[in-house]
Amino acid sequence: METNFDIFKRLQNGRPLWITAVPGIEEARMRVDRLEAIAPGEYLIYSQTKGIIVEYVNG
């Protein structure tokens, strides 16, 4: 069973803005790639299972 990952965008004030939750890290990476194409910025992928940020993406 795949775990869920939350995607956040870091706002200019440094706070995270929740975007969506997806099943699986590969799906999260694909979503972030699409989001960066529309709205460049810093994105975070958070593992709900581990309770940590597993990836930072700065586009």
C-alpha atoms as a PDB file:
ATOM      1  CA  MET A   1       0.000   0.000   0.000  1.00  0.00           C
ATOM      2  CA  GLU A   2       1.346   3.399  -0.971  1.00  0.00           C
ATOM      3  CA  THR A   3       1.660   6.153   1.567  1.00  0.00           C
ATOM      4  CA  ASN A   4       0.210   9.610   1.177  1.00  0.00           C
ATOM      5  CA  PHE A   5       2.283  12.686   0.532  1.00  0.00           C
ATOM      6  CA  ASP A   6       1.233  16.301   0.987  1.00  0.00           C
ATOM      7  CA  ILE A   7       2.428  19.001  -1.369  1.00  0.00           C
ATOM      8  CA  PHE A   8       2.997  22.498  -0.042  1.00  0.00           C
ATOM      9  CA  LYS A   9       4.155  25.717  -1.669  1.00  0.00           C
ATOM     10  CA  ARG A  10       6.303  28.024   0.446  1.00  0.00           C
ATOM     11  CA  LEU A  11       4.841  31.538   0.383  1.00  0.00           C
ATOM     12  CA  GLN A  12       6.914  34.735   0.296  1.00  0.00           C
ATOM     13  CA  ASN A  13       6.459  35.147   4.050  1.00  0.00           C
ATOM     14  CA  GLY A  14       8.006  31.685   4.564  1.00  0.00           C
ATOM     15  CA  ARG A  15       4.802  29.910   5.547  1.00  0.00           C
ATOM     16  CA  PRO A  16       3.712  26.749   3.746  1.00  0.00           C
ATOM     17  CA  LEU A  17       0.477  26.666   1.761  1.00  0.00           C
ATOM     18  CA  TRP A  18      -1.082  23.205   1.456  1.00  0.00           C
ATOM     19  CA  ILE A  19      -1.872  22.321  -2.160  1.00  0.00           C
ATOM     20  CA  THR A  20      -2.984  18.671  -2.205  1.00  0.00           C
ATOM     21  CA  ALA A  21      -2.338  15.125  -1.004  1.00  0.00           C
ATOM     22  CA  VAL A  22      -1.389  12.335  -3.402  1.00  0.00           C
ATOM     23  CA  PRO A  23      -0.676   8.591  -3.086  1.00  0.00           C
ATOM     24  CA  GLY A  24       3.008   7.923  -3.705  1.00  0.00           C
ATOM     25  CA  ILE A  25       6.215   9.890  -4.038  1.00  0.00           C
ATOM     26  CA  GLU A  26       6.340   9.574  -7.831  1.00  0.00           C
ATOM     27  CA  GLU A  27       2.877  11.103  -8.152  1.00  0.00           C
ATOM     28  CA  ALA A  28       3.962  13.898  -5.807  1.00  0.00           C
ATOM     29  CA  ARG A  29       7.028  14.628  -7.945  1.00  0.00           C
ATOM     30  CA  MET A  30       4.943  14.711 -11.146  1.00  0.00           C
ATOM     31  CA  ARG A  31       2.444  17.092  -9.543  1.00  0.00           C
ATOM     32  CA  VAL A  32       5.204  19.408  -8.346  1.00  0.00           C
ATOM     33  CA  ASP A  33       6.713  19.453 -11.857  1.00  0.00           C
ATOM     34  CA  ARG A  34       3.344  20.512 -13.275  1.00  0.00           C
ATOM     35  CA  LEU A  35       2.842  23.130 -10.560  1.00  0.00           C
ATOM     36  CA  GLU A  36       6.297  24.607 -11.183  1.00  0.00           C
ATOM     37  CA  ALA A  37       5.468  25.038 -14.858  1.00  0.00           C
ATOM     38  CA  ILE A  38       2.446  27.152 -13.903  1.00  0.00           C
ATOM     39  CA  ALA A  39       3.674  28.880 -10.739  1.00  0.00           C
ATOM     40  CA  PRO A  40       7.444  28.683 -10.160  1.00  0.00           C
ATOM     41  CA  GLY A  41       8.578  28.693  -6.555  1.00  0.00           C
ATOM     42  CA  GLU A  42       9.629  26.479  -3.680  1.00  0.00           C
ATOM     43  CA  TYR A  43       7.588  23.330  -3.083  1.00  0.00           C
ATOM     44  CA  LEU A  44       7.777  20.797  -0.268  1.00  0.00           C
ATOM     45  CA  ILE A  45       6.771  17.151  -0.330  1.00  0.00           C
ATOM     46  CA  TYR A  46       5.775  15.914   3.115  1.00  0.00           C
ATOM     47  CA  SER A  47       5.404  12.244   4.056  1.00  0.00           C
ATOM     48  CA  GLN A  48       2.302  11.701   6.176  1.00  0.00           C
ATOM     49  CA  THR A  49       3.643   8.320   7.308  1.00  0.00           C
ATOM     50  CA  LYS A  50       7.098   9.484   8.380  1.00  0.00           C
ATOM     51  CA  GLY A  51       5.992  12.930   9.536  1.00  0.00           C
ATOM     52  CA  ILE A  52       8.853  14.700   7.751  1.00  0.00           C
ATOM     53  CA  ILE A  53       9.563  16.728   4.639  1.00  0.00           C
ATOM     54  CA  VAL A  54      11.124  14.262   2.231  1.00  0.00           C
ATOM     55  CA  GLU A  55      11.896  16.605  -0.634  1.00  0.00           C
ATOM     56  CA  TYR A  56      12.397  20.299  -1.363  1.00  0.00           C
ATOM     57  CA  VAL A  57      11.912  21.499  -4.921  1.00  0.00           C
ATOM     58  CA  ASN A  58      12.981  25.018  -5.819  1.00  0.00           C
ATOM     59  CA  GLY A  59      12.085  25.958  -9.364  1.00  0.00           C
END
